Amino acid sequence: MSSSVLFAEAPLGLAPLVSFTLADVADAPGLHSLTATDDSTVRLFVLDAAVHLADYRPHISDAQQVLLDLTEADDASVLVVVNPAGTEPTINLLAPIVLNARTGLCHQIILEDQEWPVAAPLRRAL
């Protein structure tokens, strides 16, 4: 399954790209590719935190909820960026992508004043 998503602001390091396609990775539940609509060479892998990170509960501020038009708790999907480079893949828990599942609007947020690592070993996080 794939769906179109629109970032409220370009993801970190990917300006000016804001339009992406979120697609499931075959045979990998909760793992998705996020590919730029305007440049298919730009692709990120993201994990659905609800599927793989039961203890990961970042605080989403009221302002961030308003930006994403989040009116119900189940509207939000939290995705974390996977960095597959190096000998051990890592995930960025400090800057998750919050997706309004109802509208397709998303935003990569920086979790200020929260103690989440920017490069957590993927193996330990699962």
PDB file of N, CA and C in Angstrom:
ATOM      1  N   MET A   1       0.832  -1.171   0.000  1.00  0.00           N
ATOM      2  CA  MET A   1       0.000   0.000   0.000  1.00  0.00           C
ATOM      3  C   MET A   1       0.884   1.244   0.000  1.00  0.00           C
ATOM      4  N   SER A   2       0.484   2.266  -0.723  1.00  0.00           N
ATOM      5  CA  SER A   2       1.217   3.527  -0.702  1.00  0.00           C
ATOM      6  C   SER A   2       0.220   4.675  -0.613  1.00  0.00           C
ATOM      7  N   SER A   3       0.707   5.786  -0.091  1.00  0.00           N
ATOM      8  CA  SER A   3      -0.148   6.969   0.023  1.00  0.00           C
ATOM      9  C   SER A   3       0.709   8.215  -0.126  1.00  0.00           C
ATOM     10  N   SER A   4       0.058   9.277  -0.548  1.00  0.00           N
ATOM     11  CA  SER A   4       0.743  10.557  -0.683  1.00  0.00           C
ATOM     12  C   SER A   4       0.739  11.266   0.657  1.00  0.00           C
ATOM     13  N   VAL A   5       1.878  11.867   0.998  1.00  0.00           N
ATOM     14  CA  VAL A   5       1.970  12.673   2.213  1.00  0.00           C
ATOM     15  C   VAL A   5       2.586  14.020   1.846  1.00  0.00           C
ATOM     16  N   LEU A   6       2.183  15.026   2.575  1.00  0.00           N
ATOM     17  CA  LEU A   6       2.680  16.380   2.347  1.00  0.00           C
ATOM     18  C   LEU A   6       3.227  16.911   3.657  1.00  0.00           C
ATOM     19  N   PHE A   7       4.497  17.308   3.637  1.00  0.00           N
ATOM     20  CA  PHE A   7       5.118  17.872   4.821  1.00  0.00           C
ATOM     21  C   PHE A   7       4.721  19.336   4.972  1.00  0.00           C
ATOM     22  N   ALA A   8       4.420  19.747   6.192  1.00  0.00           N
ATOM     23  CA  ALA A   8       4.123  21.153   6.485  1.00  0.00           C
ATOM     24  C   ALA A   8       5.360  22.006   6.215  1.00  0.00           C
ATOM     25  N   GLU A   9       6.536  21.448   6.459  1.00  0.00           N
ATOM     26  CA  GLU A   9       7.841  22.048   6.143  1.00  0.00           C
ATOM     27  C   GLU A   9       8.722  20.907   5.654  1.00  0.00           C
ATOM     28  N   ALA A  10       9.672  21.214   4.788  1.00  0.00           N
ATOM     29  CA  ALA A  10      10.555  20.170   4.261  1.00  0.00           C
ATOM     30  C   ALA A  10      11.257  19.436   5.402  1.00  0.00           C
ATOM     31  N   PRO A  11      11.413  18.117   5.280  1.00  0.00           N
ATOM     32  CA  PRO A  11      12.161  17.371   6.291  1.00  0.00           C
ATOM     33  C   PRO A  11      13.608  17.880   6.374  1.00  0.00           C
ATOM     34  N   LEU A  12      14.221  17.665   7.511  1.00  0.00           N
ATOM     35  CA  LEU A  12      15.586  18.138   7.748  1.00  0.00           C
ATOM     36  C   LEU A  12      16.527  17.701   6.627  1.00  0.00           C
ATOM     37  N   GLY A  13      17.202  18.670   6.031  1.00  0.00           N
ATOM     38  CA  GLY A  13      18.176  18.406   4.984  1.00  0.00           C
ATOM     39  C   GLY A  13      17.597  18.130   3.611  1.00  0.00           C
ATOM     40  N   LEU A  14      16.278  18.207   3.460  1.00  0.00           N
ATOM     41  CA  LEU A  14      15.672  17.871   2.172  1.00  0.00           C
ATOM     42  C   LEU A  14      14.924  19.025   1.517  1.00  0.00           C
ATOM     43  N   ALA A  15      15.122  20.241   2.003  1.00  0.00           N
ATOM     44  CA  ALA A  15      14.452  21.403   1.397  1.00  0.00           C
ATOM     45  C   ALA A  15      14.879  21.506  -0.059  1.00  0.00           C
ATOM     46  N   PRO A  16      13.991  21.837  -0.934  1.00  0.00           N
ATOM     47  CA  PRO A  16      12.619  22.319  -0.770  1.00  0.00           C
ATOM     48  C   PRO A  16      11.559  21.225  -0.899  1.00  0.00           C
ATOM     49  N   LEU A  17      11.942  19.950  -0.830  1.00  0.00           N
ATOM     50  CA  LEU A  17      11.006  18.856  -1.073  1.00  0.00           C
ATOM     51  C   LEU A  17       9.986  18.718   0.060  1.00  0.00           C
ATOM     52  N   VAL A  18       8.707  18.697  -0.286  1.00  0.00           N
ATOM     53  CA  VAL A  18       7.649  18.551   0.722  1.00  0.00           C
ATOM     54  C   VAL A  18       6.626  17.477   0.362  1.00  0.00           C
ATOM     55  N   SER A  19       6.592  17.039  -0.887  1.00  0.00           N
ATOM     56  CA  SER A  19       5.621  16.053  -1.340  1.00  0.00           C
ATOM     57  C   SER A  19       6.313  14.692  -1.479  1.00  0.00           C
ATOM     58  N   PHE A  20       5.753  13.676  -0.812  1.00  0.00           N
ATOM     59  CA  PHE A  20       6.374  12.351  -0.772  1.00  0.00           C
ATOM     60  C   PHE A  20       5.323  11.266  -0.938  1.00  0.00           C
ATOM     61  N   THR A  21       5.791  10.077  -1.285  1.00  0.00           N
ATOM     62  CA  THR A  21       4.955   8.887  -1.290  1.00  0.00           C
ATOM     63  C   THR A  21       5.460   7.965  -0.192  1.00  0.00           C
ATOM     64  N   LEU A  22       4.542   7.540   0.657  1.00  0.00           N
ATOM     65  CA  LEU A  22       4.855   6.606   1.734  1.00  0.00           C
ATOM     66  C   LEU A  22       4.380   5.235   1.295  1.00  0.00           C
ATOM     67  N   ALA A  23       5.305   4.287   1.206  1.00  0.00           N
ATOM     68  CA  ALA A  23       4.956   2.950   0.720  1.00  0.00           C
ATOM     69  C   ALA A  23       5.485   1.881   1.667  1.00  0.00           C
ATOM     70  N   ASP A  24       4.706   0.820   1.826  1.00  0.00           N
ATOM     71  CA  ASP A  24       5.138  -0.315   2.634  1.00  0.00           C
ATOM     72  C   ASP A  24       6.322  -1.000   1.964  1.00  0.00           C
ATOM     73  N   VAL A  25       7.237  -1.506   2.773  1.00  0.00           N
ATOM     74  CA  VAL A  25       8.318  -2.344   2.262  1.00  0.00           C
ATOM     75  C   VAL A  25       7.832  -3.788   2.375  1.00  0.00           C
ATOM     76  N   ALA A  26       7.873  -4.508   1.265  1.00  0.00           N
ATOM     77  CA  ALA A  26       7.356  -5.877   1.225  1.00  0.00           C
ATOM     78  C   ALA A  26       8.019  -6.764   2.271  1.00  0.00           C
ATOM     79  N   ASP A  27       7.215  -7.576   2.927  1.00  0.00           N
ATOM     80  CA  ASP A  27       7.676  -8.557   3.912  1.00  0.00           C
ATOM     81  C   ASP A  27       8.400  -7.944   5.103  1.00  0.00           C
ATOM     82  N   ALA A  28       8.101  -6.684   5.401  1.00  0.00           N
ATOM     83  CA  ALA A  28       8.720  -6.010   6.551  1.00  0.00           C
ATOM     84  C   ALA A  28       7.654  -5.144   7.240  1.00  0.00           C
ATOM     85  N   PRO A  29       6.786  -5.755   8.028  1.00  0.00           N
ATOM     86  CA  PRO A  29       5.707  -4.993   8.668  1.00  0.00           C
ATOM     87  C   PRO A  29       6.245  -3.804   9.458  1.00  0.00           C
ATOM     88  N   GLY A  30       5.626  -2.647   9.248  1.00  0.00           N
ATOM     89  CA  GLY A  30       6.019  -1.442   9.973  1.00  0.00           C
ATOM     90  C   GLY A  30       7.196  -0.702   9.383  1.00  0.00           C
ATOM     91  N   LEU A  31       7.782  -1.206   8.309  1.00  0.00           N
ATOM     92  CA  LEU A  31       8.880  -0.519   7.630  1.00  0.00           C
ATOM     93  C   LEU A  31       8.334   0.054   6.330  1.00  0.00           C
ATOM     94  N   HIS A  32       8.642   1.325   6.094  1.00  0.00           N
ATOM     95  CA  HIS A  32       8.124   2.024   4.920  1.00  0.00           C
ATOM     96  C   HIS A  32       9.242   2.794   4.230  1.00  0.00           C
ATOM     97  N   SER A  33       9.041   3.043   2.944  1.00  0.00           N
ATOM     98  CA  SER A  33       9.931   3.955   2.227  1.00  0.00           C
ATOM     99  C   SER A  33       9.163   5.253   2.038  1.00  0.00           C
ATOM    100  N   LEU A  34       9.883   6.335   2.107  1.00  0.00           N
ATOM    101  CA  LEU A  34       9.328   7.673   1.930  1.00  0.00           C
ATOM    102  C   LEU A  34      10.110   8.290   0.788  1.00  0.00           C
ATOM    103  N   THR A  35       9.481   8.392  -0.393  1.00  0.00           N
ATOM    104  CA  THR A  35      10.162   8.822  -1.614  1.00  0.00           C
ATOM    105  C   THR A  35       9.617  10.163  -2.078  1.00  0.00           C
ATOM    106  N   ALA A  36      10.525  11.086  -2.392  1.00  0.00           N
ATOM    107  CA  ALA A  36      10.116  12.413  -2.857  1.00  0.00           C
ATOM    108  C   ALA A  36       9.396  12.298  -4.186  1.00  0.00           C
ATOM    109  N   THR A  37       8.272  12.987  -4.308  1.00  0.00           N
ATOM    110  CA  THR A  37       7.489  12.967  -5.538  1.00  0.00           C
ATOM    111  C   THR A  37       8.229  13.650  -6.679  1.00  0.00           C
ATOM    112  N   ASP A  38       8.937  14.746  -6.377  1.00  0.00           N
ATOM    113  CA  ASP A  38       9.622  15.527  -7.406  1.00  0.00           C
ATOM    114  C   ASP A  38      11.021  15.027  -7.731  1.00  0.00           C
ATOM    115  N   ASP A  39      11.556  14.102  -6.935  1.00  0.00           N
ATOM    116  CA  ASP A  39      12.906  13.594  -7.165  1.00  0.00           C
ATOM    117  C   ASP A  39      12.987  12.188  -6.588  1.00  0.00           C
ATOM    118  N   SER A  40      12.725  11.186  -7.396  1.00  0.00           N
ATOM    119  CA  SER A  40      12.648   9.807  -6.903  1.00  0.00           C
ATOM    120  C   SER A  40      13.978   9.264  -6.396  1.00  0.00           C
ATOM    121  N   THR A  41      15.067  10.016  -6.581  1.00  0.00           N
ATOM    122  CA  THR A  41      16.348   9.572  -6.024  1.00  0.00           C
ATOM    123  C   THR A  41      16.447   9.900  -4.536  1.00  0.00           C
ATOM    124  N   VAL A  42      15.516  10.703  -4.027  1.00  0.00           N
ATOM    125  CA  VAL A  42      15.498  11.046  -2.605  1.00  0.00           C
ATOM    126  C   VAL A  42      14.529  10.098  -1.912  1.00  0.00           C
ATOM    127  N   ARG A  43      15.086   9.225  -1.067  1.00  0.00           N
ATOM    128  CA  ARG A  43      14.265   8.232  -0.381  1.00  0.00           C
ATOM    129  C   ARG A  43      14.795   8.015   1.028  1.00  0.00           C
ATOM    130  N   LEU A  44      13.875   7.926   1.950  1.00  0.00           N
ATOM    131  CA  LEU A  44      14.185   7.605   3.342  1.00  0.00           C
ATOM    132  C   LEU A  44      13.465   6.315   3.707  1.00  0.00           C
ATOM    133  N   PHE A  45      13.999   5.606   4.677  1.00  0.00           N
ATOM    134  CA  PHE A  45      13.279   4.489   5.263  1.00  0.00           C
ATOM    135  C   PHE A  45      12.821   4.922   6.638  1.00  0.00           C
ATOM    136  N   VAL A  46      11.582   4.584   6.976  1.00  0.00           N
ATOM    137  CA  VAL A  46      11.023   4.963   8.267  1.00  0.00           C
ATOM    138  C   VAL A  46      10.342   3.754   8.898  1.00  0.00           C
ATOM    139  N   LEU A  47      10.414   3.698  10.225  1.00  0.00           N
ATOM    140  CA  LEU A  47       9.749   2.654  10.997  1.00  0.00           C
ATOM    141  C   LEU A  47       8.521   3.238  11.670  1.00  0.00           C
ATOM    142  N   ASP A  48       7.455   2.494  11.692  1.00  0.00           N
ATOM    143  CA  ASP A  48       6.260   2.878  12.424  1.00  0.00           C
ATOM    144  C   ASP A  48       6.516   2.576  13.904  1.00  0.00           C
ATOM    145  N   ALA A  49       6.558   3.626  14.718  1.00  0.00           N
ATOM    146  CA  ALA A  49       6.873   3.452  16.133  1.00  0.00           C
ATOM    147  C   ALA A  49       5.839   2.581  16.846  1.00  0.00           C
ATOM    148  N   ALA A  50       4.588   2.656  16.442  1.00  0.00           N
ATOM    149  CA  ALA A  50       3.538   1.857  17.087  1.00  0.00           C
ATOM    150  C   ALA A  50       3.781   0.362  16.892  1.00  0.00           C
ATOM    151  N   VAL A  51       4.411  -0.011  15.798  1.00  0.00           N
ATOM    152  CA  VAL A  51       4.661  -1.423  15.501  1.00  0.00           C
ATOM    153  C   VAL A  51       5.921  -1.925  16.196  1.00  0.00           C
ATOM    154  N   HIS A  52       6.975  -1.095  16.232  1.00  0.00           N
ATOM    155  CA  HIS A  52       8.281  -1.578  16.691  1.00  0.00           C
ATOM    156  C   HIS A  52       8.811  -0.965  17.978  1.00  0.00           C
ATOM    157  N   LEU A  53       8.259   0.124  18.428  1.00  0.00           N
ATOM    158  CA  LEU A  53       8.836   0.831  19.577  1.00  0.00           C
ATOM    159  C   LEU A  53       7.763   1.120  20.626  1.00  0.00           C
ATOM    160  N   ALA A  54       7.312   0.087  21.285  1.00  0.00           N
ATOM    161  CA  ALA A  54       6.197   0.213  22.225  1.00  0.00           C
ATOM    162  C   ALA A  54       6.457   1.228  23.337  1.00  0.00           C
ATOM    163  N   ASP A  55       7.691   1.392  23.764  1.00  0.00           N
ATOM    164  CA  ASP A  55       8.014   2.308  24.856  1.00  0.00           C
ATOM    165  C   ASP A  55       8.336   3.729  24.392  1.00  0.00           C
ATOM    166  N   TYR A  56       8.314   3.966  23.100  1.00  0.00           N
ATOM    167  CA  TYR A  56       8.645   5.288  22.550  1.00  0.00           C
ATOM    168  C   TYR A  56       7.386   6.128  22.508  1.00  0.00           C
ATOM    169  N   ARG A  57       7.324   7.104  23.373  1.00  0.00           N
ATOM    170  CA  ARG A  57       6.163   7.987  23.469  1.00  0.00           C
ATOM    171  C   ARG A  57       6.622   9.437  23.548  1.00  0.00           C
ATOM    172  N   PRO A  58       7.020  10.011  22.421  1.00  0.00           N
ATOM    173  CA  PRO A  58       7.465  11.411  22.452  1.00  0.00           C
ATOM    174  C   PRO A  58       6.286  12.342  22.707  1.00  0.00           C
ATOM    175  N   HIS A  59       6.567  13.447  23.358  1.00  0.00           N
ATOM    176  CA  HIS A  59       5.534  14.452  23.620  1.00  0.00           C
ATOM    177  C   HIS A  59       5.392  15.337  22.384  1.00  0.00           C
ATOM    178  N   ILE A  60       4.181  15.419  21.865  1.00  0.00           N
ATOM    179  CA  ILE A  60       3.886  16.292  20.729  1.00  0.00           C
ATOM    180  C   ILE A  60       3.184  17.517  21.292  1.00  0.00           C
ATOM    181  N   SER A  61       3.799  18.673  21.109  1.00  0.00           N
ATOM    182  CA  SER A  61       3.271  19.900  21.714  1.00  0.00           C
ATOM    183  C   SER A  61       1.921  20.288  21.128  1.00  0.00           C
ATOM    184  N   ASP A  62       1.217  21.148  21.850  1.00  0.00           N
ATOM    185  CA  ASP A  62      -0.073  21.642  21.367  1.00  0.00           C
ATOM    186  C   ASP A  62       0.090  22.351  20.024  1.00  0.00           C
ATOM    187  N   ALA A  63       1.162  23.164  19.895  1.00  0.00           N
ATOM    188  CA  ALA A  63       1.402  23.888  18.639  1.00  0.00           C
ATOM    189  C   ALA A  63       1.633  22.916  17.481  1.00  0.00           C
ATOM    190  N   GLN A  64       2.364  21.831  17.729  1.00  0.00           N
ATOM    191  CA  GLN A  64       2.611  20.833  16.689  1.00  0.00           C
ATOM    192  C   GLN A  64       1.322  20.101  16.323  1.00  0.00           C
ATOM    193  N   GLN A  65       0.470  19.850  17.306  1.00  0.00           N
ATOM    194  CA  GLN A  65      -0.811  19.208  17.030  1.00  0.00           C
ATOM    195  C   GLN A  65      -1.703  20.116  16.185  1.00  0.00           C
ATOM    196  N   VAL A  66      -1.687  21.416  16.472  1.00  0.00           N
ATOM    197  CA  VAL A  66      -2.471  22.369  15.686  1.00  0.00           C
ATOM    198  C   VAL A  66      -1.937  22.429  14.259  1.00  0.00           C
ATOM    199  N   LEU A  67      -0.609  22.491  14.103  1.00  0.00           N
ATOM    200  CA  LEU A  67       0.006  22.539  12.772  1.00  0.00           C
ATOM    201  C   LEU A  67      -0.439  21.362  11.905  1.00  0.00           C
ATOM    202  N   LEU A  68      -0.575  20.204  12.521  1.00  0.00           N
ATOM    203  CA  LEU A  68      -0.943  18.985  11.788  1.00  0.00           C
ATOM    204  C   LEU A  68      -2.445  18.696  11.811  1.00  0.00           C
ATOM    205  N   ASP A  69      -3.218  19.585  12.406  1.00  0.00           N
ATOM    206  CA  ASP A  69      -4.667  19.415  12.496  1.00  0.00           C
ATOM    207  C   ASP A  69      -5.033  18.095  13.170  1.00  0.00           C
ATOM    208  N   LEU A  70      -4.310  17.780  14.236  1.00  0.00           N
ATOM    209  CA  LEU A  70      -4.586  16.552  14.983  1.00  0.00           C
ATOM    210  C   LEU A  70      -5.693  16.829  15.986  1.00  0.00           C
ATOM    211  N   THR A  71      -6.853  16.240  15.749  1.00  0.00           N
ATOM    212  CA  THR A  71      -7.992  16.472  16.626  1.00  0.00           C
ATOM    213  C   THR A  71      -8.307  15.260  17.484  1.00  0.00           C
ATOM    214  N   GLU A  72      -7.818  14.093  17.096  1.00  0.00           N
ATOM    215  CA  GLU A  72      -8.046  12.869  17.850  1.00  0.00           C
ATOM    216  C   GLU A  72      -6.718  12.158  18.038  1.00  0.00           C
ATOM    217  N   ALA A  73      -6.568  11.492  19.170  1.00  0.00           N
ATOM    218  CA  ALA A  73      -5.308  10.809  19.469  1.00  0.00           C
ATOM    219  C   ALA A  73      -4.935   9.791  18.396  1.00  0.00           C
ATOM    220  N   ASP A  74      -5.915   9.123  17.810  1.00  0.00           N
ATOM    221  CA  ASP A  74      -5.590   8.089  16.831  1.00  0.00           C
ATOM    222  C   ASP A  74      -5.311   8.651  15.439  1.00  0.00           C
ATOM    223  N   ASP A  75      -5.364   9.958  15.268  1.00  0.00           N
ATOM    224  CA  ASP A  75      -5.003  10.574  13.985  1.00  0.00           C
ATOM    225  C   ASP A  75      -3.494  10.514  13.737  1.00  0.00           C
ATOM    226  N   ALA A  76      -2.701  10.490  14.803  1.00  0.00           N
ATOM    227  CA  ALA A  76      -1.247  10.626  14.670  1.00  0.00           C
ATOM    228  C   ALA A  76      -0.554   9.281  14.516  1.00  0.00           C
ATOM    229  N   SER A  77       0.316   9.210  13.518  1.00  0.00           N
ATOM    230  CA  SER A  77       1.243   8.095  13.375  1.00  0.00           C
ATOM    231  C   SER A  77       2.632   8.677  13.571  1.00  0.00           C
ATOM    232  N   VAL A  78       3.446   8.006  14.364  1.00  0.00           N
ATOM    233  CA  VAL A  78       4.809   8.467  14.609  1.00  0.00           C
ATOM    234  C   VAL A  78       5.759   7.541  13.870  1.00  0.00           C
ATOM    235  N   LEU A  79       6.561   8.138  13.003  1.00  0.00           N
ATOM    236  CA  LEU A  79       7.539   7.401  12.209  1.00  0.00           C
ATOM    237  C   LEU A  79       8.930   7.876  12.596  1.00  0.00           C
ATOM    238  N   VAL A  80       9.886   6.966  12.661  1.00  0.00           N
ATOM    239  CA  VAL A  80      11.271   7.348  12.940  1.00  0.00           C
ATOM    240  C   VAL A  80      12.131   6.994  11.743  1.00  0.00           C
ATOM    241  N   VAL A  81      13.055   7.873  11.431  1.00  0.00           N
ATOM    242  CA  VAL A  81      13.928   7.697  10.271  1.00  0.00           C
ATOM    243  C   VAL A  81      15.000   6.660  10.593  1.00  0.00           C
ATOM    244  N   VAL A  82      15.188   5.737   9.666  1.00  0.00           N
ATOM    245  CA  VAL A  82      16.204   4.691   9.785  1.00  0.00           C
ATOM    246  C   VAL A  82      17.434   5.125   8.994  1.00  0.00           C
ATOM    247  N   ASN A  83      18.599   5.002   9.602  1.00  0.00           N
ATOM    248  CA  ASN A  83      19.856   5.251   8.899  1.00  0.00           C
ATOM    249  C   ASN A  83      20.539   3.898   8.730  1.00  0.00           C
ATOM    250  N   PRO A  84      20.453   3.313   7.505  1.00  0.00           N
ATOM    251  CA  PRO A  84      21.008   1.976   7.296  1.00  0.00           C
ATOM    252  C   PRO A  84      22.524   1.961   7.077  1.00  0.00           C
ATOM    253  N   ALA A  85      23.165   3.124   7.004  1.00  0.00           N
ATOM    254  CA  ALA A  85      24.607   3.192   6.710  1.00  0.00           C
ATOM    255  C   ALA A  85      25.423   2.653   7.889  1.00  0.00           C
ATOM    256  N   GLY A  86      26.619   2.238   7.574  1.00  0.00           N
ATOM    257  CA  GLY A  86      27.535   1.757   8.611  1.00  0.00           C
ATOM    258  C   GLY A  86      27.317   0.293   8.925  1.00  0.00           C
ATOM    259  N   THR A  87      27.959  -0.156   9.979  1.00  0.00           N
ATOM    260  CA  THR A  87      27.892  -1.571  10.334  1.00  0.00           C
ATOM    261  C   THR A  87      26.629  -1.924  11.098  1.00  0.00           C
ATOM    262  N   GLU A  88      26.025  -0.936  11.750  1.00  0.00           N
ATOM    263  CA  GLU A  88      24.807  -1.183  12.506  1.00  0.00           C
ATOM    264  C   GLU A  88      23.793  -0.076  12.217  1.00  0.00           C
ATOM    265  N   PRO A  89      22.629  -0.409  11.677  1.00  0.00           N
ATOM    266  CA  PRO A  89      21.617   0.617  11.405  1.00  0.00           C
ATOM    267  C   PRO A  89      21.188   1.321  12.696  1.00  0.00           C
ATOM    268  N   THR A  90      20.837   2.596  12.555  1.00  0.00           N
ATOM    269  CA  THR A  90      20.356   3.365  13.700  1.00  0.00           C
ATOM    270  C   THR A  90      19.011   4.000  13.347  1.00  0.00           C
ATOM    271  N   ILE A  91      18.320   4.465  14.378  1.00  0.00           N
ATOM    272  CA  ILE A  91      17.079   5.202  14.179  1.00  0.00           C
ATOM    273  C   ILE A  91      17.174   6.522  14.931  1.00  0.00           C
ATOM    274  N   ASN A  92      16.549   7.533  14.363  1.00  0.00           N
ATOM    275  CA  ASN A  92      16.559   8.873  14.945  1.00  0.00           C
ATOM    276  C   ASN A  92      15.305   9.042  15.795  1.00  0.00           C
ATOM    277  N   LEU A  93      15.476   8.983  17.116  1.00  0.00           N
ATOM    278  CA  LEU A  93      14.355   9.138  18.031  1.00  0.00           C
ATOM    279  C   LEU A  93      14.148  10.590  18.452  1.00  0.00           C
ATOM    280  N   LEU A  94      15.108  11.448  18.148  1.00  0.00           N
ATOM    281  CA  LEU A  94      15.020  12.857  18.543  1.00  0.00           C
ATOM    282  C   LEU A  94      14.205  13.688  17.556  1.00  0.00           C
ATOM    283  N   ALA A  95      14.084  13.225  16.311  1.00  0.00           N
ATOM    284  CA  ALA A  95      13.371  14.001  15.288  1.00  0.00           C
ATOM    285  C   ALA A  95      12.404  13.106  14.520  1.00  0.00           C
ATOM    286  N   PRO A  96      11.329  12.660  15.177  1.00  0.00           N
ATOM    287  CA  PRO A  96      10.369  11.795  14.488  1.00  0.00           C
ATOM    288  C   PRO A  96       9.540  12.562  13.466  1.00  0.00           C
ATOM    289  N   ILE A  97       8.947  11.820  12.582  1.00  0.00           N
ATOM    290  CA  ILE A  97       7.980  12.373  11.636  1.00  0.00           C
ATOM    291  C   ILE A  97       6.605  12.031  12.177  1.00  0.00           C
ATOM    292  N   VAL A  98       5.807  13.057  12.402  1.00  0.00           N
ATOM    293  CA  VAL A  98       4.449  12.851  12.903  1.00  0.00           C
ATOM    294  C   VAL A  98       3.506  13.044  11.725  1.00  0.00           C
ATOM    295  N   LEU A  99       2.676  12.052  11.493  1.00  0.00           N
ATOM    296  CA  LEU A  99       1.783  12.023  10.348  1.00  0.00           C
ATOM    297  C   LEU A  99       0.331  12.032  10.809  1.00  0.00           C
ATOM    298  N   ASN A 100      -0.436  12.943  10.260  1.00  0.00           N
ATOM    299  CA  ASN A 100      -1.882  12.926  10.468  1.00  0.00           C
ATOM    300  C   ASN A 100      -2.422  11.905   9.473  1.00  0.00           C
ATOM    301  N   ALA A 101      -2.782  10.733   9.968  1.00  0.00           N
ATOM    302  CA  ALA A 101      -3.217   9.638   9.101  1.00  0.00           C
ATOM    303  C   ALA A 101      -4.502   9.966   8.358  1.00  0.00           C
ATOM    304  N   ARG A 102      -5.287  10.867   8.896  1.00  0.00           N
ATOM    305  CA  ARG A 102      -6.559  11.237   8.271  1.00  0.00           C
ATOM    306  C   ARG A 102      -6.352  12.144   7.062  1.00  0.00           C
ATOM    307  N   THR A 103      -5.389  13.092   7.150  1.00  0.00           N
ATOM    308  CA  THR A 103      -5.212  14.087   6.089  1.00  0.00           C
ATOM    309  C   THR A 103      -3.987  13.867   5.219  1.00  0.00           C
ATOM    310  N   GLY A 104      -3.005  13.091   5.702  1.00  0.00           N
ATOM    311  CA  GLY A 104      -1.755  12.912   4.965  1.00  0.00           C
ATOM    312  C   GLY A 104      -0.758  14.024   5.207  1.00  0.00           C
ATOM    313  N   LEU A 105      -1.083  14.976   6.078  1.00  0.00           N
ATOM    314  CA  LEU A 105      -0.161  16.059   6.419  1.00  0.00           C
ATOM    315  C   LEU A 105       0.808  15.557   7.483  1.00  0.00           C
ATOM    316  N   CYS A 106       2.097  15.871   7.309  1.00  0.00           N
ATOM    317  CA  CYS A 106       3.080  15.425   8.286  1.00  0.00           C
ATOM    318  C   CYS A 106       4.120  16.504   8.534  1.00  0.00           C
ATOM    319  N   HIS A 107       4.908  16.275   9.567  1.00  0.00           N
ATOM    320  CA  HIS A 107       5.937  17.238   9.946  1.00  0.00           C
ATOM    321  C   HIS A 107       7.014  16.498  10.726  1.00  0.00           C
ATOM    322  N   GLN A 108       8.276  16.774  10.408  1.00  0.00           N
ATOM    323  CA  GLN A 108       9.358  16.218  11.206  1.00  0.00           C
ATOM    324  C   GLN A 108       9.600  17.188  12.347  1.00  0.00           C
ATOM    325  N   ILE A 109       9.434  16.719  13.559  1.00  0.00           N
ATOM    326  CA  ILE A 109       9.564  17.597  14.713  1.00  0.00           C
ATOM    327  C   ILE A 109      10.856  17.300  15.469  1.00  0.00           C
ATOM    328  N   ILE A 110      11.391  18.328  16.095  1.00  0.00           N
ATOM    329  CA  ILE A 110      12.546  18.179  16.976  1.00  0.00           C
ATOM    330  C   ILE A 110      12.003  18.137  18.397  1.00  0.00           C
ATOM    331  N   LEU A 111      12.311  17.100  19.125  1.00  0.00           N
ATOM    332  CA  LEU A 111      11.802  16.926  20.477  1.00  0.00           C
ATOM    333  C   LEU A 111      12.694  17.665  21.468  1.00  0.00           C
ATOM    334  N   GLU A 112      12.445  18.945  21.597  1.00  0.00           N
ATOM    335  CA  GLU A 112      13.238  19.770  22.512  1.00  0.00           C
ATOM    336  C   GLU A 112      12.933  19.379  23.949  1.00  0.00           C
ATOM    337  N   ASP A 113      13.964  19.414  24.777  1.00  0.00           N
ATOM    338  CA  ASP A 113      13.848  19.092  26.199  1.00  0.00           C
ATOM    339  C   ASP A 113      13.358  17.670  26.452  1.00  0.00           C
ATOM    340  N   GLN A 114      13.607  16.771  25.516  1.00  0.00           N
ATOM    341  CA  GLN A 114      13.290  15.363  25.716  1.00  0.00           C
ATOM    342  C   GLN A 114      14.569  14.562  25.504  1.00  0.00           C
ATOM    343  N   GLU A 115      14.719  13.523  26.257  1.00  0.00           N
ATOM    344  CA  GLU A 115      15.961  12.743  26.270  1.00  0.00           C
ATOM    345  C   GLU A 115      15.924  11.558  25.304  1.00  0.00           C
ATOM    346  N   TRP A 116      15.817  11.839  24.015  1.00  0.00           N
ATOM    347  CA  TRP A 116      15.837  10.784  23.007  1.00  0.00           C
ATOM    348  C   TRP A 116      17.105  10.910  22.168  1.00  0.00           C
ATOM    349  N   PRO A 117      17.754   9.807  21.815  1.00  0.00           N
ATOM    350  CA  PRO A 117      18.984   9.863  21.020  1.00  0.00           C
ATOM    351  C   PRO A 117      18.705  10.107  19.537  1.00  0.00           C
ATOM    352  N   VAL A 118      19.661  10.731  18.879  1.00  0.00           N
ATOM    353  CA  VAL A 118      19.562  10.988  17.440  1.00  0.00           C
ATOM    354  C   VAL A 118      20.000   9.753  16.643  1.00  0.00           C
ATOM    355  N   ALA A 119      20.744   8.861  17.276  1.00  0.00           N
ATOM    356  CA  ALA A 119      21.222   7.658  16.579  1.00  0.00           C
ATOM    357  C   ALA A 119      21.184   6.465  17.533  1.00  0.00           C
ATOM    358  N   ALA A 120      19.986   5.957  17.767  1.00  0.00           N
ATOM    359  CA  ALA A 120      19.833   4.777  18.627  1.00  0.00           C
ATOM    360  C   ALA A 120      20.058   3.519  17.783  1.00  0.00           C
ATOM    361  N   PRO A 121      20.841   2.573  18.279  1.00  0.00           N
ATOM    362  CA  PRO A 121      21.034   1.328  17.531  1.00  0.00           C
ATOM    363  C   PRO A 121      19.687   0.649  17.277  1.00  0.00           C
ATOM    364  N   LEU A 122      19.426   0.318  16.059  1.00  0.00           N
ATOM    365  CA  LEU A 122      18.141  -0.274  15.684  1.00  0.00           C
ATOM    366  C   LEU A 122      17.914  -1.608  16.414  1.00  0.00           C
ATOM    367  N   ARG A 123      18.918  -2.397  16.517  1.00  0.00           N
ATOM    368  CA  ARG A 123      18.795  -3.713  17.142  1.00  0.00           C
ATOM    369  C   ARG A 123      18.322  -3.582  18.595  1.00  0.00           C
ATOM    370  N   ARG A 124      18.875  -2.635  19.346  1.00  0.00           N
ATOM    371  CA  ARG A 124      18.487  -2.460  20.749  1.00  0.00           C
ATOM    372  C   ARG A 124      17.102  -1.849  20.879  1.00  0.00           C
ATOM    373  N   ALA A 125      16.722  -1.007  19.910  1.00  0.00           N
ATOM    374  CA  ALA A 125      15.421  -0.346  19.979  1.00  0.00           C
ATOM    375  C   ALA A 125      14.284  -1.327  19.770  1.00  0.00           C
ATOM    376  N   LEU A 126      14.518  -2.360  18.977  1.00  0.00           N
ATOM    377  CA  LEU A 126      13.470  -3.341  18.710  1.00  0.00           C
ATOM    378  C   LEU A 126      13.431  -4.318  19.831  1.00  0.00           C
TER     379      LEU A 126
END
